Amino acid sequence: MKTLYIGRFQPFHNGHLLVVQSLSTKYDEIIVGIGSSQDRDTSENPFSEEERVQMITRSLDAVGIHNYRVVAIPDIHNPPQWVSHVRAIVPDFDVVITNNPFTRSLFIDKGYPVEGTPYFRRSMFSGKEIRRRMLHDQPWGDLVPVAVCRIIEDIGGVQRVKKITRSTMKK
């Protein structure tokens, strides 16, 4: 069986890793769908598609998970057509994994089985919280896999989050 796990992964964090680890023992293949893949350099989406792909692949490879593939899913801003858009991009899958209520309802409305995931320390393991910590110079590195921490450091990700957020706040 194959599953589709969709997220923005801004950034890929330890909660995402725990989800994929649990899925890797249940499914033959995990299709990790990077939602809003075209978005970058915004306060909610500071990291590019390429950076997110690296975060995911390096993190999963580091823990020995190999039954996955990463697929970019750009947003079309057309909810009635979005599931068809996803189906045109993503290989066949048997079930969708998401905790996003809107994504869940779109797939259920089209007849797809949808399962949620446990929230692993949701108050800490969230992209929004990690970006907030970066912005306020608070510890964040322990909330992401080591590979993600290294990538963010290598690309100046903390400085990017601060620059983008401050420029947004001035408008």
N, C-alpha and C. Protein backbone atom coordinates (compact mmCIF):
# COMPACT_ATOMS: atom_id res chain seq x y z
N MET A 1 0.84 -1.19 0.00
CA MET A 1 0.00 0.00 0.00
C MET A 1 0.87 1.25 0.00
N LYS A 2 0.35 2.28 -0.65
CA LYS A 2 1.07 3.56 -0.74
C LYS A 2 0.24 4.64 -0.06
N THR A 3 0.94 5.57 0.58
CA THR A 3 0.25 6.67 1.22
C THR A 3 0.82 8.00 0.74
N LEU A 4 -0.02 9.00 0.76
CA LEU A 4 0.38 10.36 0.43
C LEU A 4 0.32 11.18 1.71
N TYR A 5 1.46 11.73 2.11
CA TYR A 5 1.57 12.58 3.30
C TYR A 5 1.90 13.99 2.82
N ILE A 6 0.94 14.90 2.98
CA ILE A 6 1.08 16.26 2.46
C ILE A 6 1.36 17.24 3.59
N GLY A 7 2.31 18.13 3.35
CA GLY A 7 2.60 19.21 4.29
C GLY A 7 3.41 20.28 3.58
N ARG A 8 3.53 21.43 4.23
CA ARG A 8 4.38 22.49 3.66
C ARG A 8 5.83 22.31 4.11
N PHE A 9 6.04 21.72 5.29
CA PHE A 9 7.37 21.42 5.80
C PHE A 9 8.26 22.67 5.84
N GLN A 10 7.77 23.67 6.55
CA GLN A 10 8.43 24.97 6.64
C GLN A 10 8.91 25.27 8.05
N PRO A 11 9.89 24.60 8.59
CA PRO A 11 10.71 23.55 8.01
C PRO A 11 10.22 22.16 8.39
N PHE A 12 10.87 21.15 7.81
CA PHE A 12 10.64 19.76 8.20
C PHE A 12 11.16 19.63 9.64
N HIS A 13 10.28 19.19 10.56
CA HIS A 13 10.68 19.16 11.98
C HIS A 13 10.53 17.75 12.55
N ASN A 14 10.85 17.63 13.84
CA ASN A 14 10.84 16.31 14.48
C ASN A 14 9.45 15.68 14.52
N GLY A 15 8.40 16.48 14.57
CA GLY A 15 7.04 15.92 14.49
C GLY A 15 6.81 15.25 13.15
N HIS A 16 7.23 15.91 12.07
CA HIS A 16 7.13 15.31 10.73
C HIS A 16 7.93 14.01 10.68
N LEU A 17 9.13 14.05 11.22
CA LEU A 17 9.98 12.87 11.21
C LEU A 17 9.32 11.70 11.94
N LEU A 18 8.73 11.98 13.09
CA LEU A 18 8.05 10.92 13.84
C LEU A 18 6.88 10.34 13.05
N VAL A 19 6.15 11.19 12.35
CA VAL A 19 5.03 10.72 11.52
C VAL A 19 5.56 9.79 10.42
N VAL A 20 6.59 10.24 9.71
CA VAL A 20 7.12 9.42 8.61
C VAL A 20 7.70 8.11 9.15
N GLN A 21 8.34 8.16 10.30
CA GLN A 21 8.85 6.92 10.88
C GLN A 21 7.72 5.93 11.15
N SER A 22 6.60 6.43 11.67
CA SER A 22 5.47 5.51 11.93
C SER A 22 4.85 5.02 10.63
N LEU A 23 4.78 5.88 9.62
CA LEU A 23 4.22 5.47 8.33
C LEU A 23 5.11 4.46 7.62
N SER A 24 6.42 4.57 7.82
CA SER A 24 7.36 3.71 7.09
C SER A 24 7.22 2.24 7.45
N THR A 25 6.66 1.97 8.62
CA THR A 25 6.47 0.56 9.01
C THR A 25 5.09 0.05 8.60
N LYS A 26 4.21 0.96 8.24
CA LYS A 26 2.84 0.59 7.91
C LYS A 26 2.59 0.51 6.39
N TYR A 27 3.33 1.29 5.63
CA TYR A 27 3.10 1.39 4.19
C TYR A 27 4.33 0.97 3.40
N ASP A 28 4.09 0.43 2.21
CA ASP A 28 5.19 0.05 1.33
C ASP A 28 5.93 1.28 0.81
N GLU A 29 5.17 2.34 0.53
CA GLU A 29 5.78 3.57 0.03
C GLU A 29 5.06 4.77 0.61
N ILE A 30 5.86 5.77 0.96
CA ILE A 30 5.33 7.05 1.44
C ILE A 30 5.65 8.09 0.39
N ILE A 31 4.63 8.73 -0.11
CA ILE A 31 4.82 9.84 -1.03
C ILE A 31 4.70 11.11 -0.18
N VAL A 32 5.81 11.80 -0.03
CA VAL A 32 5.83 13.03 0.76
C VAL A 32 5.55 14.17 -0.21
N GLY A 33 4.37 14.75 -0.08
CA GLY A 33 3.96 15.83 -0.97
C GLY A 33 4.24 17.18 -0.35
N ILE A 34 5.10 17.95 -0.99
CA ILE A 34 5.42 19.29 -0.50
C ILE A 34 4.37 20.25 -1.04
N GLY A 35 3.43 20.61 -0.18
CA GLY A 35 2.38 21.54 -0.57
C GLY A 35 2.89 22.96 -0.68
N SER A 36 2.23 23.75 -1.50
CA SER A 36 2.63 25.13 -1.77
C SER A 36 4.12 25.18 -2.14
N SER A 37 4.52 24.24 -2.97
CA SER A 37 5.95 24.09 -3.28
C SER A 37 6.55 25.30 -3.97
N GLN A 38 5.72 26.09 -4.63
CA GLN A 38 6.24 27.25 -5.34
C GLN A 38 6.47 28.43 -4.41
N ASP A 39 5.92 28.38 -3.21
CA ASP A 39 6.04 29.51 -2.28
C ASP A 39 7.39 29.49 -1.59
N ARG A 40 7.99 30.66 -1.48
CA ARG A 40 9.26 30.82 -0.80
C ARG A 40 9.45 32.29 -0.45
N ASP A 41 10.34 32.52 0.46
CA ASP A 41 10.70 33.88 0.85
C ASP A 41 9.51 34.69 1.36
N THR A 42 8.59 34.01 2.06
CA THR A 42 7.52 34.70 2.76
C THR A 42 7.60 34.29 4.24
N SER A 43 6.92 35.02 5.10
CA SER A 43 7.01 34.70 6.52
C SER A 43 6.46 33.31 6.84
N GLU A 44 5.45 32.86 6.13
CA GLU A 44 4.91 31.52 6.35
C GLU A 44 5.65 30.45 5.56
N ASN A 45 6.31 30.83 4.50
CA ASN A 45 7.01 29.90 3.62
C ASN A 45 8.41 30.43 3.30
N PRO A 46 9.29 30.45 4.29
CA PRO A 46 10.61 31.04 4.03
C PRO A 46 11.55 30.16 3.20
N PHE A 47 11.29 28.85 3.16
CA PHE A 47 12.23 27.95 2.51
C PHE A 47 11.73 27.51 1.14
N SER A 48 12.65 27.39 0.20
CA SER A 48 12.30 27.02 -1.17
C SER A 48 11.96 25.54 -1.28
N GLU A 49 11.40 25.17 -2.40
CA GLU A 49 11.11 23.77 -2.68
C GLU A 49 12.39 22.93 -2.58
N GLU A 50 13.46 23.40 -3.20
CA GLU A 50 14.72 22.65 -3.19
C GLU A 50 15.24 22.48 -1.78
N GLU A 51 15.15 23.51 -0.97
CA GLU A 51 15.62 23.42 0.42
C GLU A 51 14.78 22.43 1.21
N ARG A 52 13.48 22.45 1.00
CA ARG A 52 12.60 21.52 1.71
C ARG A 52 12.85 20.08 1.27
N VAL A 53 13.10 19.87 -0.02
CA VAL A 53 13.43 18.53 -0.50
C VAL A 53 14.70 18.04 0.21
N GLN A 54 15.70 18.89 0.29
CA GLN A 54 16.94 18.51 0.99
C GLN A 54 16.68 18.20 2.45
N MET A 55 15.88 19.02 3.11
CA MET A 55 15.57 18.79 4.52
C MET A 55 14.95 17.42 4.73
N ILE A 56 14.00 17.09 3.87
CA ILE A 56 13.28 15.81 3.99
C ILE A 56 14.20 14.64 3.66
N THR A 57 14.86 14.70 2.52
CA THR A 57 15.66 13.55 2.09
C THR A 57 16.83 13.30 3.03
N ARG A 58 17.52 14.32 3.44
CA ARG A 58 18.66 14.12 4.34
C ARG A 58 18.21 13.61 5.70
N SER A 59 17.08 14.10 6.19
CA SER A 59 16.56 13.65 7.48
C SER A 59 16.14 12.18 7.43
N LEU A 60 15.41 11.81 6.40
CA LEU A 60 14.92 10.43 6.29
C LEU A 60 16.07 9.46 6.01
N ASP A 61 16.97 9.85 5.15
CA ASP A 61 18.11 8.99 4.87
C ASP A 61 18.95 8.78 6.14
N ALA A 62 19.08 9.81 6.96
CA ALA A 62 19.90 9.72 8.18
C ALA A 62 19.35 8.70 9.18
N VAL A 63 18.04 8.48 9.15
CA VAL A 63 17.45 7.51 10.09
C VAL A 63 17.12 6.18 9.39
N GLY A 64 17.58 6.03 8.17
CA GLY A 64 17.43 4.75 7.48
C GLY A 64 16.07 4.50 6.86
N ILE A 65 15.32 5.55 6.60
CA ILE A 65 14.04 5.39 5.91
C ILE A 65 14.29 5.60 4.42
N HIS A 66 13.92 4.60 3.63
CA HIS A 66 14.20 4.68 2.20
C HIS A 66 12.96 4.39 1.34
N ASN A 67 11.84 4.04 1.97
CA ASN A 67 10.63 3.71 1.19
C ASN A 67 9.75 4.95 1.00
N TYR A 68 10.36 5.98 0.45
CA TYR A 68 9.62 7.23 0.23
C TYR A 68 10.08 7.87 -1.08
N ARG A 69 9.28 8.78 -1.54
CA ARG A 69 9.67 9.69 -2.62
C ARG A 69 9.05 11.04 -2.30
N VAL A 70 9.70 12.08 -2.74
CA VAL A 70 9.24 13.44 -2.49
C VAL A 70 8.69 14.00 -3.80
N VAL A 71 7.50 14.60 -3.71
CA VAL A 71 6.87 15.19 -4.89
C VAL A 71 6.44 16.61 -4.56
N ALA A 72 6.80 17.54 -5.40
CA ALA A 72 6.40 18.94 -5.23
C ALA A 72 4.97 19.12 -5.71
N ILE A 73 4.17 19.78 -4.90
CA ILE A 73 2.77 20.04 -5.25
C ILE A 73 2.52 21.55 -5.16
N PRO A 74 2.66 22.25 -6.28
CA PRO A 74 2.37 23.69 -6.24
C PRO A 74 0.89 23.93 -6.01
N ASP A 75 0.60 25.03 -5.33
CA ASP A 75 -0.79 25.38 -5.07
C ASP A 75 -1.38 26.05 -6.31
N ILE A 76 -2.61 25.74 -6.63
CA ILE A 76 -3.27 26.36 -7.78
C ILE A 76 -4.34 27.37 -7.33
N HIS A 77 -4.53 27.49 -6.02
CA HIS A 77 -5.51 28.44 -5.45
C HIS A 77 -6.90 28.26 -6.06
N ASN A 78 -7.28 27.00 -6.20
CA ASN A 78 -8.58 26.65 -6.76
C ASN A 78 -9.05 25.37 -6.05
N PRO A 79 -9.60 25.51 -4.84
CA PRO A 79 -9.95 24.33 -4.06
C PRO A 79 -10.78 23.27 -4.78
N PRO A 80 -11.80 23.63 -5.58
CA PRO A 80 -12.57 22.57 -6.24
C PRO A 80 -11.75 21.71 -7.21
N GLN A 81 -10.66 22.25 -7.73
CA GLN A 81 -9.83 21.53 -8.69
C GLN A 81 -8.54 20.97 -8.07
N TRP A 82 -8.31 21.26 -6.79
CA TRP A 82 -7.02 20.94 -6.19
C TRP A 82 -6.74 19.44 -6.13
N VAL A 83 -7.71 18.62 -5.75
CA VAL A 83 -7.47 17.17 -5.67
C VAL A 83 -7.14 16.62 -7.06
N SER A 84 -7.82 17.06 -8.08
CA SER A 84 -7.50 16.63 -9.45
C SER A 84 -6.09 17.07 -9.83
N HIS A 85 -5.72 18.26 -9.41
CA HIS A 85 -4.36 18.77 -9.64
C HIS A 85 -3.34 17.87 -8.97
N VAL A 86 -3.58 17.50 -7.72
CA VAL A 86 -2.67 16.62 -6.99
C VAL A 86 -2.58 15.27 -7.69
N ARG A 87 -3.71 14.72 -8.08
CA ARG A 87 -3.73 13.41 -8.75
C ARG A 87 -2.95 13.43 -10.07
N ALA A 88 -2.92 14.58 -10.75
CA ALA A 88 -2.18 14.68 -12.00
C ALA A 88 -0.67 14.70 -11.77
N ILE A 89 -0.23 15.06 -10.57
CA ILE A 89 1.19 15.20 -10.26
C ILE A 89 1.74 13.98 -9.53
N VAL A 90 0.95 13.45 -8.62
CA VAL A 90 1.41 12.43 -7.68
C VAL A 90 1.13 11.03 -8.23
N PRO A 91 2.08 10.10 -8.04
CA PRO A 91 1.79 8.70 -8.43
C PRO A 91 0.61 8.15 -7.63
N ASP A 92 0.09 7.02 -8.05
CA ASP A 92 -1.05 6.41 -7.37
C ASP A 92 -0.77 6.20 -5.89
N PHE A 93 -1.80 6.37 -5.08
CA PHE A 93 -1.70 6.15 -3.64
C PHE A 93 -3.03 5.58 -3.16
N ASP A 94 -2.98 4.95 -1.98
CA ASP A 94 -4.17 4.30 -1.43
C ASP A 94 -4.87 5.11 -0.36
N VAL A 95 -4.12 5.93 0.36
CA VAL A 95 -4.68 6.70 1.46
C VAL A 95 -3.92 8.02 1.60
N VAL A 96 -4.63 9.04 2.04
CA VAL A 96 -4.03 10.36 2.28
C VAL A 96 -3.84 10.52 3.79
N ILE A 97 -2.68 11.02 4.16
CA ILE A 97 -2.38 11.30 5.55
C ILE A 97 -2.32 12.82 5.72
N THR A 98 -3.20 13.36 6.54
CA THR A 98 -3.18 14.80 6.80
C THR A 98 -3.99 15.10 8.06
N ASN A 99 -3.57 16.12 8.77
CA ASN A 99 -4.35 16.64 9.88
C ASN A 99 -4.97 17.99 9.54
N ASN A 100 -4.72 18.46 8.33
CA ASN A 100 -5.27 19.73 7.91
C ASN A 100 -6.75 19.54 7.56
N PRO A 101 -7.65 20.20 8.29
CA PRO A 101 -9.09 19.98 8.06
C PRO A 101 -9.54 20.27 6.63
N PHE A 102 -8.99 21.31 6.01
CA PHE A 102 -9.40 21.67 4.67
C PHE A 102 -8.94 20.61 3.66
N THR A 103 -7.68 20.21 3.77
CA THR A 103 -7.15 19.16 2.89
C THR A 103 -7.94 17.88 3.08
N ARG A 104 -8.20 17.54 4.34
CA ARG A 104 -8.98 16.35 4.67
C ARG A 104 -10.34 16.38 3.97
N SER A 105 -11.05 17.48 4.08
CA SER A 105 -12.39 17.57 3.50
C SER A 105 -12.35 17.50 1.97
N LEU A 106 -11.34 18.12 1.35
CA LEU A 106 -11.25 18.07 -0.11
C LEU A 106 -11.07 16.64 -0.61
N PHE A 107 -10.20 15.86 0.04
CA PHE A 107 -9.98 14.49 -0.39
C PHE A 107 -11.17 13.59 -0.05
N ILE A 108 -11.77 13.78 1.12
CA ILE A 108 -12.94 12.97 1.49
C ILE A 108 -14.08 13.23 0.51
N ASP A 109 -14.28 14.49 0.14
CA ASP A 109 -15.34 14.84 -0.82
C ASP A 109 -15.14 14.15 -2.17
N LYS A 110 -13.90 13.85 -2.51
CA LYS A 110 -13.61 13.16 -3.78
C LYS A 110 -13.53 11.65 -3.61
N GLY A 111 -13.86 11.15 -2.40
CA GLY A 111 -13.94 9.72 -2.17
C GLY A 111 -12.65 9.03 -1.77
N TYR A 112 -11.65 9.78 -1.37
CA TYR A 112 -10.38 9.17 -0.96
C TYR A 112 -10.39 8.88 0.53
N PRO A 113 -9.81 7.75 0.94
CA PRO A 113 -9.65 7.49 2.37
C PRO A 113 -8.59 8.44 2.94
N VAL A 114 -8.91 9.01 4.08
CA VAL A 114 -8.01 9.98 4.72
C VAL A 114 -7.82 9.57 6.17
N GLU A 115 -6.58 9.58 6.62
CA GLU A 115 -6.27 9.29 8.01
C GLU A 115 -5.49 10.46 8.59
N GLY A 116 -5.69 10.69 9.86
CA GLY A 116 -4.91 11.70 10.56
C GLY A 116 -3.68 11.07 11.17
N THR A 117 -2.89 11.88 11.81
CA THR A 117 -1.69 11.40 12.50
C THR A 117 -1.74 11.91 13.93
N PRO A 118 -1.03 11.24 14.81
CA PRO A 118 -0.92 11.79 16.16
C PRO A 118 -0.14 13.09 16.10
N TYR A 119 -0.45 13.99 17.00
CA TYR A 119 0.34 15.21 17.14
C TYR A 119 1.42 14.93 18.17
N PHE A 120 2.66 14.99 17.75
CA PHE A 120 3.78 14.77 18.64
C PHE A 120 4.23 16.12 19.20
N ARG A 121 3.85 16.40 20.45
CA ARG A 121 4.24 17.66 21.09
C ARG A 121 3.96 18.85 20.17
N ARG A 122 2.73 18.96 19.73
CA ARG A 122 2.31 19.94 18.72
C ARG A 122 2.68 21.37 19.10
N SER A 123 2.64 21.70 20.39
CA SER A 123 2.95 23.08 20.78
C SER A 123 4.39 23.45 20.43
N MET A 124 5.26 22.45 20.35
CA MET A 124 6.66 22.71 20.01
C MET A 124 6.99 22.31 18.58
N PHE A 125 6.46 21.17 18.15
CA PHE A 125 6.78 20.68 16.82
C PHE A 125 5.81 21.25 15.81
N SER A 126 5.99 22.51 15.51
CA SER A 126 5.20 23.16 14.47
C SER A 126 6.11 24.16 13.76
N GLY A 127 5.94 24.25 12.46
CA GLY A 127 6.75 25.20 11.70
C GLY A 127 6.57 26.61 12.20
N LYS A 128 5.35 26.97 12.55
CA LYS A 128 5.07 28.32 13.03
C LYS A 128 5.86 28.61 14.31
N GLU A 129 5.89 27.65 15.23
CA GLU A 129 6.62 27.83 16.48
C GLU A 129 8.13 27.90 16.23
N ILE A 130 8.62 27.07 15.35
CA ILE A 130 10.05 27.09 15.04
C ILE A 130 10.45 28.41 14.41
N ARG A 131 9.66 28.90 13.47
CA ARG A 131 9.96 30.20 12.84
C ARG A 131 9.86 31.33 13.87
N ARG A 132 8.90 31.25 14.81
CA ARG A 132 8.78 32.25 15.86
C ARG A 132 10.03 32.27 16.73
N ARG A 133 10.51 31.09 17.07
CA ARG A 133 11.72 31.00 17.89
C ARG A 133 12.93 31.57 17.14
N MET A 134 13.02 31.29 15.86
CA MET A 134 14.12 31.85 15.07
C MET A 134 14.06 33.38 15.10
N LEU A 135 12.89 33.91 14.92
CA LEU A 135 12.69 35.35 14.88
C LEU A 135 13.10 36.01 16.19
N HIS A 136 12.86 35.33 17.31
CA HIS A 136 13.12 35.90 18.63
C HIS A 136 14.39 35.36 19.29
N ASP A 137 15.27 34.78 18.48
CA ASP A 137 16.56 34.27 18.99
C ASP A 137 16.39 33.29 20.15
N GLN A 138 15.38 32.46 20.05
CA GLN A 138 15.16 31.43 21.06
C GLN A 138 15.62 30.09 20.50
N PRO A 139 15.97 29.14 21.37
CA PRO A 139 16.44 27.84 20.89
C PRO A 139 15.39 27.14 20.01
N TRP A 140 15.82 26.65 18.87
CA TRP A 140 14.92 25.96 17.94
C TRP A 140 15.55 24.69 17.39
N GLY A 141 16.87 24.57 17.45
CA GLY A 141 17.59 23.48 16.80
C GLY A 141 17.20 22.10 17.29
N ASP A 142 16.76 21.99 18.55
CA ASP A 142 16.37 20.68 19.07
C ASP A 142 14.99 20.24 18.59
N LEU A 143 14.29 21.10 17.86
CA LEU A 143 12.95 20.78 17.36
C LEU A 143 12.97 20.21 15.94
N VAL A 144 14.15 20.20 15.34
CA VAL A 144 14.29 19.71 13.96
C VAL A 144 15.37 18.64 13.92
N PRO A 145 15.33 17.75 12.93
CA PRO A 145 16.41 16.78 12.78
C PRO A 145 17.75 17.49 12.57
N VAL A 146 18.83 16.83 12.93
CA VAL A 146 20.17 17.42 12.80
C VAL A 146 20.42 17.90 11.37
N ALA A 147 20.00 17.12 10.39
CA ALA A 147 20.21 17.49 8.99
C ALA A 147 19.52 18.81 8.66
N VAL A 148 18.34 19.02 9.18
CA VAL A 148 17.60 20.26 8.92
C VAL A 148 18.31 21.44 9.59
N CYS A 149 18.76 21.24 10.80
CA CYS A 149 19.49 22.29 11.50
C CYS A 149 20.70 22.72 10.68
N ARG A 150 21.43 21.76 10.16
CA ARG A 150 22.62 22.07 9.35
C ARG A 150 22.26 22.82 8.08
N ILE A 151 21.20 22.38 7.42
CA ILE A 151 20.79 23.06 6.18
C ILE A 151 20.40 24.50 6.48
N ILE A 152 19.61 24.70 7.52
CA ILE A 152 19.17 26.06 7.87
C ILE A 152 20.37 26.93 8.21
N GLU A 153 21.32 26.39 8.93
CA GLU A 153 22.53 27.16 9.25
C GLU A 153 23.32 27.47 7.98
N ASP A 154 23.47 26.47 7.09
CA ASP A 154 24.25 26.66 5.87
C ASP A 154 23.66 27.71 4.93
N ILE A 155 22.35 27.82 4.90
CA ILE A 155 21.70 28.76 3.97
C ILE A 155 21.38 30.10 4.62
N GLY A 156 21.75 30.28 5.89
CA GLY A 156 21.40 31.51 6.58
C GLY A 156 19.90 31.62 6.81
N GLY A 157 19.28 30.51 7.11
CA GLY A 157 17.82 30.46 7.23
C GLY A 157 17.26 31.32 8.35
N VAL A 158 17.94 31.39 9.47
CA VAL A 158 17.44 32.22 10.58
C VAL A 158 17.44 33.69 10.16
N GLN A 159 18.53 34.12 9.54
CA GLN A 159 18.60 35.51 9.08
C GLN A 159 17.53 35.79 8.03
N ARG A 160 17.25 34.80 7.18
CA ARG A 160 16.20 34.96 6.17
C ARG A 160 14.84 35.15 6.82
N VAL A 161 14.53 34.29 7.81
CA VAL A 161 13.25 34.39 8.50
C VAL A 161 13.11 35.78 9.13
N LYS A 162 14.17 36.26 9.76
CA LYS A 162 14.12 37.59 10.39
C LYS A 162 13.93 38.68 9.35
N LYS A 163 14.68 38.63 8.27
CA LYS A 163 14.59 39.65 7.23
C LYS A 163 13.21 39.69 6.60
N ILE A 164 12.69 38.51 6.24
CA ILE A 164 11.38 38.44 5.60
C ILE A 164 10.30 38.95 6.55
N THR A 165 10.33 38.50 7.79
CA THR A 165 9.30 38.87 8.75
C THR A 165 9.34 40.35 9.05
N ARG A 166 10.53 40.90 9.20
CA ARG A 166 10.64 42.34 9.48
C ARG A 166 10.18 43.18 8.29
N SER A 167 10.49 42.74 7.08
CA SER A 167 10.03 43.50 5.92
C SER A 167 8.51 43.42 5.77
N THR A 168 7.93 42.30 6.15
CA THR A 168 6.47 42.13 6.11
C THR A 168 5.80 43.03 7.14
N MET A 169 6.43 43.13 8.32
CA MET A 169 5.85 43.92 9.40
C MET A 169 5.88 45.42 9.09
N LYS A 170 6.82 45.87 8.26
CA LYS A 170 6.93 47.29 7.91
C LYS A 170 5.86 47.74 6.94
N LYS A 171 5.27 46.80 6.23
CA LYS A 171 4.28 47.15 5.19
C LYS A 171 2.96 47.55 5.80
